[in-house]
Amino acid sequence: MLINYIIHRLKWSYRKNTPDIEALIRRGYPDFVFDSTPKSLKNEIPVFVFHSVKAEKLEEQLEFLYKNGYQTLSADEFYEVITCSKPVLEQVVLLTFDDGRGSLWTVAYPLLKKYGFQAVSFIIPGCIDEDTNCSPNLEDVWAGRISLHQIENRDFGSNPLCNWEEIRQMHASGIIDFQSHTMYHSLIFTSQRVVDFINPAFDFYLFSNINVPVFTVNGMDNVKREAEWGTPIYDSEPRMSPRRRYFDDEELRNRCIEYVKERGGADFFNTPGWRKELYKYFRKTRNQLSSKGYFETAEHQREAIFKDLYDSKILIEKKLPGKTVNHLCYPWFIGSGLAVEMSKKAGYLSNFWGIMFGRRSTRLEHNPYRIIRLEDKYLLRLPGTGRRSLREILGEKFLENYPKLVKNLHF
């Protein structure tokens, strides 16, 4: 059990970072990332991905683009360029923001407006609150109504995602182009192997419990992923991955939850060796029950992926009248041939990923269903005045990720 747990933690800790490291070693990024004096961009459009943003850093990046004459695009404009339906200028980039985090409203939106840029945000409509109030943002800071500190940490608070009213206002401005990041940003169980149990130290993530794989309650998906202490966590992968879903035995799960409740609930996890004890009970009970867990069929997998993608597109279009959602971004940068096929069927014109080996950048006539994206950190390696060294960028990246590494190596 402990070995499974350690492997699980390490796998998820650096799932997104491993392709980045390999791309750096193999020079799998565009030339401008490595070259000391890069040539101007020709027939390629770098696509950068942001998540949570801070005002000082984002302004440095946008100011760099502004001073060096770069232009930005919407997702539809980008699609028209790479499919050769529209001419491309040399100094063009695409800025993408995943998840629709609160800092998109509090920080990114005002700064994009200030510099005359636009961006694409891939949102998770099934996780968005229907709130009619807009939080303060940088414009309120500039007007002296609130401090920067009061708005800059929203992503880590009680309202980590933008609400629909904030999204509607950004959409109406034309500055933010909203597209799909799937319906729920779901993980699914993919094997019968238990790797952990829900406990007070479990990393639920910043929003919507997205690190908890979707499970069923009375046969219905619990999309809010509100798991109780003691819930078994099996091997998991993103819903859009090639793996078929494993449906766990609800009775077995409930027995584990009850076992923890009878031993003090959250206090049970203060007991030395609790994971070994609970796993022993899990195995014993599974044998007694002749577990009723099962894997989905290939047909169910196709239907589930299509429904997720179609429902996401339709809900965004419903919430933003006049909007047509044409573009999809895969959570955790992980998709599959089946997901691409179902996205086409659902009406998407392009798919966005992370790093893809064999593709160093997005060029004209590239497959629009295989669009790669670079971390925003490499934006300051673009050709232009005021570039930062690769050594400096990688040093900052290491310092930023070191605390996460230490945390995930603490077992």
Protein backbone atom coordinates (compact mmCIF):
# COMPACT_ATOMS: atom_id res chain seq x y z
CA MET A 1 0.00 0.00 0.00
CA LEU A 2 2.76 2.48 0.94
CA ILE A 3 4.64 1.86 -2.31
CA ASN A 4 1.45 2.42 -4.33
CA TYR A 5 0.84 5.65 -2.42
CA ILE A 6 4.37 6.96 -2.98
CA ILE A 7 4.28 6.17 -6.70
CA HIS A 8 0.87 7.84 -6.98
CA ARG A 9 2.09 11.02 -5.26
CA LEU A 10 5.22 11.30 -7.36
CA LYS A 11 3.36 10.61 -10.61
CA TRP A 12 0.86 13.39 -10.03
CA SER A 13 3.37 15.83 -8.54
CA TYR A 14 5.30 16.18 -11.76
CA ARG A 15 2.85 15.06 -14.39
CA LYS A 16 2.95 18.42 -16.15
CA ASN A 17 6.62 19.13 -15.41
CA THR A 18 8.13 15.97 -16.91
CA PRO A 19 7.35 16.96 -20.54
CA ASP A 20 8.86 20.39 -19.81
CA ILE A 21 12.10 18.87 -18.50
CA GLU A 22 12.38 16.48 -21.45
CA ALA A 23 11.66 19.29 -23.92
CA LEU A 24 14.47 21.36 -22.40
CA ILE A 25 16.91 18.43 -22.57
CA ARG A 26 15.98 17.47 -26.14
CA ARG A 27 15.57 21.04 -27.40
CA GLY A 28 11.93 20.28 -28.00
CA TYR A 29 10.87 23.90 -27.60
CA PRO A 30 10.88 26.59 -30.31
CA ASP A 31 14.30 28.01 -31.21
CA PHE A 32 13.63 31.33 -29.47
CA VAL A 33 13.59 29.57 -26.07
CA PHE A 34 17.23 28.48 -26.50
CA ASP A 35 18.80 31.05 -28.86
CA SER A 36 20.68 34.02 -27.44
CA THR A 37 19.83 36.20 -30.45
CA PRO A 38 16.67 34.71 -31.97
CA LYS A 39 15.31 35.75 -35.33
CA SER A 40 11.86 37.25 -35.59
CA LEU A 41 8.95 34.83 -35.68
CA LYS A 42 7.95 33.63 -39.13
CA ASN A 43 5.03 31.35 -39.94
CA GLU A 44 4.65 30.32 -36.31
CA ILE A 45 2.46 31.56 -33.48
CA PRO A 46 3.67 30.78 -29.95
CA VAL A 47 0.82 29.81 -27.63
CA PHE A 48 1.37 30.45 -23.92
CA VAL A 49 -0.58 28.98 -21.02
CA PHE A 50 -1.25 30.78 -17.73
CA HIS A 51 -3.03 29.57 -14.61
CA SER A 52 -2.96 31.74 -11.47
CA VAL A 53 -1.30 35.11 -12.08
CA LYS A 54 0.24 37.89 -10.00
CA ALA A 55 0.07 41.53 -11.06
CA GLU A 56 3.79 42.34 -11.06
CA LYS A 57 4.85 39.35 -13.12
CA LEU A 58 1.98 39.51 -15.62
CA GLU A 59 2.51 43.22 -16.16
CA GLU A 60 6.19 42.58 -16.90
CA GLN A 61 5.16 40.03 -19.54
CA LEU A 62 2.49 42.20 -21.13
CA GLU A 63 4.74 45.26 -21.12
CA PHE A 64 7.40 43.21 -22.91
CA LEU A 65 4.88 42.23 -25.60
CA TYR A 66 3.64 45.82 -25.92
CA LYS A 67 7.09 47.42 -26.21
CA ASN A 68 8.19 44.88 -28.80
CA GLY A 69 5.14 45.32 -31.01
CA TYR A 70 3.47 41.96 -30.46
CA GLN A 71 -0.20 41.43 -31.21
CA THR A 72 -2.63 38.93 -29.70
CA LEU A 73 -5.52 36.94 -31.14
CA SER A 74 -8.83 35.36 -30.19
CA ALA A 75 -9.18 31.58 -30.56
CA ASP A 76 -11.18 31.92 -33.79
CA GLU A 77 -8.60 34.33 -35.28
CA PHE A 78 -5.81 31.93 -34.33
CA TYR A 79 -7.67 29.06 -35.98
CA GLU A 80 -8.15 31.09 -39.17
CA VAL A 81 -4.43 31.86 -39.29
CA ILE A 82 -3.12 28.32 -38.76
CA THR A 83 -5.60 26.94 -41.30
CA CYS A 84 -4.44 29.62 -43.76
CA SER A 85 -7.83 31.32 -43.92
CA LYS A 86 -6.26 34.58 -42.75
CA PRO A 87 -2.79 36.12 -43.25
CA VAL A 88 -0.38 36.12 -40.31
CA LEU A 89 1.86 38.93 -39.08
CA GLU A 90 5.33 38.16 -37.73
CA GLN A 91 4.85 39.38 -34.18
CA VAL A 92 1.75 37.47 -33.04
CA VAL A 93 1.14 35.33 -29.95
CA LEU A 94 -1.83 33.60 -28.36
CA LEU A 95 -2.33 33.99 -24.60
CA THR A 96 -4.43 31.30 -22.90
CA PHE A 97 -5.63 31.13 -19.29
CA ASP A 98 -6.78 27.75 -17.99
CA ASP A 99 -9.62 27.09 -15.54
CA GLY A 100 -11.06 30.62 -15.36
CA ARG A 101 -9.44 31.24 -11.99
CA GLY A 102 -10.35 34.29 -9.94
CA SER A 103 -7.12 36.07 -10.88
CA LEU A 104 -8.35 36.16 -14.47
CA TRP A 105 -10.87 38.76 -13.28
CA THR A 106 -8.88 40.41 -10.51
CA VAL A 107 -5.51 40.69 -12.29
CA ALA A 108 -5.38 39.54 -15.92
CA TYR A 109 -8.48 41.24 -17.29
CA PRO A 110 -7.56 44.78 -16.12
CA LEU A 111 -3.97 44.40 -17.33
CA LEU A 112 -4.97 43.04 -20.73
CA LYS A 113 -7.35 45.98 -21.06
CA LYS A 114 -4.57 48.40 -20.07
CA TYR A 115 -2.20 47.16 -22.78
CA GLY A 116 -4.84 46.62 -25.47
CA PHE A 117 -4.44 42.84 -25.64
CA GLN A 118 -6.91 39.99 -25.75
CA ALA A 119 -6.69 36.42 -24.45
CA VAL A 120 -8.49 33.07 -24.45
CA SER A 121 -9.77 31.50 -21.23
CA PHE A 122 -10.66 27.82 -21.12
CA ILE A 123 -13.33 27.47 -18.43
CA ILE A 124 -15.04 24.58 -16.60
CA PRO A 125 -18.74 25.49 -16.79
CA GLY A 126 -19.95 22.72 -14.49
CA CYS A 127 -17.85 24.16 -11.64
CA ILE A 128 -18.81 27.84 -11.97
CA ASP A 129 -21.02 29.62 -9.42
CA GLU A 130 -24.04 31.65 -10.52
CA ASP A 131 -23.11 34.74 -8.50
CA THR A 132 -24.34 38.20 -9.52
CA ASN A 133 -21.62 40.07 -7.63
CA CYS A 134 -18.24 40.94 -9.08
CA SER A 135 -15.16 40.96 -6.86
CA PRO A 136 -12.88 44.01 -6.73
CA ASN A 137 -10.02 43.90 -9.20
CA LEU A 138 -6.90 45.85 -10.18
CA GLU A 139 -8.98 48.77 -11.40
CA ASP A 140 -10.16 49.21 -7.80
CA VAL A 141 -6.54 49.07 -6.64
CA TRP A 142 -5.53 51.74 -9.15
CA ALA A 143 -8.44 53.91 -7.95
CA GLY A 144 -7.28 53.54 -4.34
CA ARG A 145 -10.41 51.70 -3.18
CA ILE A 146 -8.63 48.51 -2.09
CA SER A 147 -5.10 47.16 -1.63
CA LEU A 148 -3.32 44.81 -4.02
CA HIS A 149 -2.91 42.27 -1.23
CA GLN A 150 -6.69 42.07 -0.81
CA ILE A 151 -7.30 40.93 -4.40
CA GLU A 152 -4.18 39.03 -5.39
CA ASN A 153 -4.74 35.81 -3.46
CA ARG A 154 -8.32 35.12 -4.53
CA ASP A 155 -7.33 31.87 -6.27
CA PHE A 156 -6.42 30.41 -2.89
CA GLY A 157 -9.54 31.57 -1.03
CA SER A 158 -13.21 30.67 -0.87
CA ASN A 159 -14.01 31.90 -4.44
CA PRO A 160 -11.12 30.53 -6.52
CA LEU A 161 -12.98 30.56 -9.85
CA CYS A 162 -14.59 33.45 -11.70
CA ASN A 163 -18.38 33.49 -11.38
CA TRP A 164 -20.75 33.79 -14.33
CA GLU A 165 -21.34 37.51 -13.87
CA GLU A 166 -17.61 38.24 -14.02
CA ILE A 167 -17.34 35.98 -17.06
CA ARG A 168 -20.26 37.74 -18.76
CA GLN A 169 -18.64 41.14 -18.26
CA MET A 170 -15.27 39.98 -19.59
CA HIS A 171 -16.99 38.31 -22.54
CA ALA A 172 -18.95 41.49 -23.34
CA SER A 173 -15.72 43.52 -23.38
CA GLY A 174 -14.26 41.41 -26.19
CA ILE A 175 -11.01 41.14 -24.25
CA ILE A 176 -11.47 37.57 -23.03
CA ASP A 177 -12.58 34.83 -25.41
CA PHE A 178 -14.14 31.99 -23.40
CA GLN A 179 -13.80 28.41 -24.62
CA SER A 180 -14.14 24.92 -23.13
CA HIS A 181 -11.93 23.14 -20.58
CA THR A 182 -14.41 20.22 -20.40
CA MET A 183 -17.51 20.16 -18.21
CA TYR A 184 -16.02 19.21 -14.83
CA HIS A 185 -12.22 18.82 -15.25
CA SER A 186 -12.76 15.20 -14.16
CA LEU A 187 -10.49 12.41 -13.04
CA ILE A 188 -11.77 8.83 -13.21
CA PHE A 189 -10.68 5.61 -11.50
CA THR A 190 -8.82 3.36 -13.96
CA SER A 191 -7.92 0.25 -11.96
CA GLN A 192 -8.80 -1.80 -8.87
CA ARG A 193 -5.54 -0.82 -7.15
CA VAL A 194 -5.98 1.42 -4.11
CA VAL A 195 -3.35 4.15 -3.83
CA ASP A 196 -4.76 6.24 -0.96
CA PHE A 197 -7.79 7.08 1.16
CA ILE A 198 -9.46 10.45 1.63
CA ASN A 199 -7.89 11.94 4.76
CA PRO A 200 -7.27 15.42 6.24
CA ALA A 201 -3.91 15.68 4.45
CA PHE A 202 -5.36 14.81 1.04
CA ASP A 203 -4.71 17.46 -1.62
CA PHE A 204 -8.20 18.33 -2.89
CA TYR A 205 -6.72 21.19 -5.00
CA LEU A 206 -7.63 24.87 -5.15
CA PHE A 207 -11.13 24.44 -6.51
CA SER A 208 -13.98 21.97 -6.97
CA ASN A 209 -12.11 19.01 -5.42
CA ILE A 210 -10.68 18.21 -8.86
CA ASN A 211 -7.98 15.93 -7.42
CA VAL A 212 -10.75 13.58 -6.23
CA PRO A 213 -11.80 11.20 -9.03
CA VAL A 214 -15.52 11.30 -9.79
CA PHE A 215 -17.40 8.54 -7.97
CA THR A 216 -21.01 7.36 -7.94
CA VAL A 217 -23.58 7.68 -5.16
CA ASN A 218 -26.60 5.44 -5.69
CA GLY A 219 -25.44 4.98 -9.25
CA MET A 220 -25.22 8.71 -10.05
CA ASP A 221 -21.97 10.63 -10.53
CA ASN A 222 -21.08 12.92 -7.63
CA VAL A 223 -19.63 15.69 -9.81
CA LYS A 224 -18.93 17.88 -6.77
CA ARG A 225 -16.55 15.16 -5.59
CA GLU A 226 -17.39 15.70 -1.93
CA ALA A 227 -15.75 12.55 -0.59
CA GLU A 228 -15.96 11.48 3.05
CA TRP A 229 -13.01 10.46 5.24
CA GLY A 230 -11.93 6.93 4.43
CA THR A 231 -13.10 6.90 0.80
CA PRO A 232 -10.74 4.60 -1.15
CA ILE A 233 -8.81 6.29 -3.96
CA TYR A 234 -7.82 4.00 -6.82
CA ASP A 235 -5.40 4.61 -9.68
CA SER A 236 -6.82 7.46 -11.72
CA GLU A 237 -6.41 9.34 -14.98
CA PRO A 238 -8.15 12.32 -16.63
CA ARG A 239 -11.52 11.52 -18.21
CA MET A 240 -10.11 12.54 -21.60
CA SER A 241 -7.24 10.02 -21.40
CA PRO A 242 -7.34 6.72 -23.34
CA ARG A 243 -8.07 4.71 -20.17
CA ARG A 244 -11.49 3.22 -19.46
CA ARG A 245 -13.22 4.09 -16.23
CA TYR A 246 -13.39 1.72 -13.26
CA PHE A 247 -16.57 2.02 -11.19
CA ASP A 248 -15.77 1.16 -7.59
CA ASP A 249 -18.03 -0.88 -5.30
CA GLU A 250 -20.20 1.63 -3.40
CA GLU A 251 -20.86 -0.79 -0.55
CA LEU A 252 -17.15 -1.42 -0.07
CA ARG A 253 -16.52 2.33 -0.10
CA ASN A 254 -19.27 2.94 2.47
CA ARG A 255 -17.86 0.22 4.73
CA CYS A 256 -14.47 1.98 4.74
CA ILE A 257 -16.13 5.32 5.50
CA GLU A 258 -18.08 3.77 8.37
CA TYR A 259 -14.93 2.13 9.73
CA VAL A 260 -13.27 5.55 9.99
CA LYS A 261 -16.37 7.17 11.55
CA GLU A 262 -16.51 4.52 14.26
CA ARG A 263 -12.89 5.26 15.16
CA GLY A 264 -13.20 9.00 15.58
CA GLY A 265 -13.55 10.35 12.06
CA ALA A 266 -10.76 12.81 11.34
CA ASP A 267 -9.03 11.84 14.61
CA PHE A 268 -8.50 8.32 13.24
CA PHE A 269 -5.82 9.69 10.92
CA ASN A 270 -3.70 10.76 13.90
CA THR A 271 -3.17 7.07 14.68
CA PRO A 272 0.31 5.82 13.68
CA GLY A 273 0.00 3.35 10.82
CA TRP A 274 -3.58 4.34 9.98
CA ARG A 275 -3.05 3.80 6.25
CA LYS A 276 -1.85 0.23 6.80
CA GLU A 277 -4.75 -0.47 9.18
CA LEU A 278 -7.39 0.91 6.82
CA TYR A 279 -5.96 -0.89 3.82
CA LYS A 280 -5.99 -4.17 5.75
CA TYR A 281 -9.67 -3.61 6.53
CA PHE A 282 -10.33 -2.69 2.89
CA ARG A 283 -8.78 -5.94 1.58
CA LYS A 284 -10.61 -8.07 4.13
CA THR A 285 -13.96 -6.45 3.34
CA ARG A 286 -13.42 -6.63 -0.42
CA ASN A 287 -12.87 -10.38 -0.15
CA GLN A 288 -15.98 -10.78 1.99
CA LEU A 289 -18.18 -8.81 -0.38
CA SER A 290 -16.84 -10.26 -3.62
CA SER A 291 -16.39 -6.69 -4.88
CA LYS A 292 -18.90 -5.49 -7.45
CA GLY A 293 -16.55 -3.00 -9.07
CA TYR A 294 -16.49 -3.04 -12.88
CA PHE A 295 -14.98 -1.32 -15.93
CA GLU A 296 -17.00 0.69 -18.41
CA THR A 297 -17.43 -0.64 -21.93
CA ALA A 298 -15.83 0.99 -24.95
CA GLU A 299 -19.25 2.27 -26.00
CA HIS A 300 -19.90 3.82 -22.58
CA GLN A 301 -16.51 5.51 -22.72
CA ARG A 302 -17.31 7.07 -26.10
CA GLU A 303 -20.71 8.26 -24.91
CA ALA A 304 -19.33 9.69 -21.65
CA ILE A 305 -16.56 11.65 -23.35
CA PHE A 306 -18.90 13.00 -26.02
CA LYS A 307 -21.49 14.04 -23.43
CA ASP A 308 -18.89 15.84 -21.32
CA LEU A 309 -17.57 17.82 -24.28
CA TYR A 310 -20.97 18.56 -25.79
CA ASP A 311 -22.53 19.61 -22.47
CA SER A 312 -19.61 21.95 -21.74
CA LYS A 313 -19.94 23.67 -25.12
CA ILE A 314 -23.72 24.04 -24.82
CA LEU A 315 -23.65 25.38 -21.25
CA ILE A 316 -21.07 28.07 -22.04
CA GLU A 317 -23.09 29.14 -25.08
CA LYS A 318 -26.24 29.24 -22.95
CA LYS A 319 -24.60 31.41 -20.30
CA LEU A 320 -23.04 33.76 -22.86
CA PRO A 321 -25.75 34.62 -25.42
CA GLY A 322 -24.38 35.02 -28.92
CA LYS A 323 -21.26 33.03 -28.11
CA THR A 324 -20.14 30.05 -30.21
CA VAL A 325 -17.68 27.72 -28.48
CA ASN A 326 -15.36 26.19 -31.09
CA HIS A 327 -12.24 25.29 -29.14
CA LEU A 328 -11.29 22.77 -26.44
CA CYS A 329 -8.37 22.56 -24.03
CA TYR A 330 -7.57 19.28 -22.25
CA PRO A 331 -7.29 19.29 -18.44
CA TRP A 332 -3.83 18.26 -17.22
CA PHE A 333 -2.79 18.56 -20.91
CA ILE A 334 -3.96 14.96 -21.40
CA GLY A 335 -6.26 13.81 -24.18
CA SER A 336 -6.52 10.86 -26.56
CA GLY A 337 -7.39 9.92 -30.10
CA LEU A 338 -10.89 9.09 -28.90
CA ALA A 339 -11.25 12.47 -27.19
CA VAL A 340 -10.19 14.22 -30.41
CA GLU A 341 -12.73 12.19 -32.37
CA MET A 342 -15.52 13.00 -29.90
CA SER A 343 -14.56 16.68 -29.85
CA LYS A 344 -15.02 16.84 -33.61
CA LYS A 345 -18.39 15.15 -33.26
CA ALA A 346 -19.37 17.68 -30.56
CA GLY A 347 -18.53 20.58 -32.89
CA TYR A 348 -15.04 21.70 -31.83
CA LEU A 349 -12.66 23.03 -34.48
CA SER A 350 -9.44 22.75 -32.47
CA ASN A 351 -7.88 21.08 -29.42
CA PHE A 352 -5.22 22.63 -27.18
CA TRP A 353 -2.70 20.53 -25.25
CA GLY A 354 0.61 21.17 -23.46
CA ILE A 355 3.97 20.03 -24.84
CA MET A 356 3.77 17.37 -27.56
CA PHE A 357 6.91 15.58 -28.65
CA GLY A 358 7.70 16.07 -32.31
CA ARG A 359 6.01 19.50 -32.30
CA ARG A 360 8.20 22.38 -31.26
CA SER A 361 5.71 25.13 -32.07
CA THR A 362 2.42 25.82 -33.84
CA ARG A 363 2.95 26.73 -37.48
CA LEU A 364 0.75 27.42 -40.45
CA GLU A 365 -1.09 24.37 -41.78
CA HIS A 366 -0.52 22.43 -38.55
CA ASN A 367 -3.25 20.08 -37.40
CA PRO A 368 -5.64 22.29 -35.36
CA TYR A 369 -6.46 19.33 -33.12
CA ARG A 370 -2.83 19.12 -31.98
CA ILE A 371 -2.02 22.63 -30.77
CA ILE A 372 0.89 22.80 -28.34
CA ARG A 373 1.32 25.41 -25.61
CA LEU A 374 4.33 26.70 -23.68
CA GLU A 375 4.45 27.72 -20.05
CA ASP A 376 4.04 31.48 -19.65
CA LYS A 377 7.55 31.62 -18.15
CA TYR A 378 9.04 31.30 -21.63
CA LEU A 379 7.21 34.36 -22.94
CA LEU A 380 10.17 36.53 -21.94
CA ARG A 381 12.39 34.47 -24.27
CA LEU A 382 10.55 35.78 -27.32
CA PRO A 383 12.59 37.91 -29.75
CA GLY A 384 12.72 41.50 -28.56
CA THR A 385 14.24 44.04 -26.21
CA GLY A 386 14.17 43.14 -22.53
CA ARG A 387 14.46 39.35 -22.83
CA ARG A 388 15.39 37.37 -19.74
CA SER A 389 18.01 34.63 -19.74
CA LEU A 390 16.94 31.00 -19.81
CA ARG A 391 19.10 30.37 -16.74
CA GLU A 392 17.20 33.05 -14.81
CA ILE A 393 13.81 31.68 -15.87
CA LEU A 394 14.70 28.10 -14.94
CA GLY A 395 16.12 29.27 -11.61
CA GLU A 396 12.84 30.98 -10.75
CA LYS A 397 10.91 27.90 -11.85
CA PHE A 398 12.96 25.67 -9.53
CA LEU A 399 12.50 27.98 -6.54
CA GLU A 400 8.76 28.13 -7.22
CA ASN A 401 8.39 24.34 -7.42
CA TYR A 402 10.83 23.32 -4.69
CA PRO A 403 8.31 23.66 -1.81
CA LYS A 404 5.86 21.46 -3.74
CA LEU A 405 8.57 18.84 -4.27
CA VAL A 406 9.45 18.78 -0.58
CA LYS A 407 5.78 18.50 0.38
CA ASN A 408 5.18 15.60 -1.98
CA LEU A 409 8.26 13.73 -0.79
CA HIS A 410 7.01 13.90 2.80
CA PHE A 411 5.27 10.64 3.45
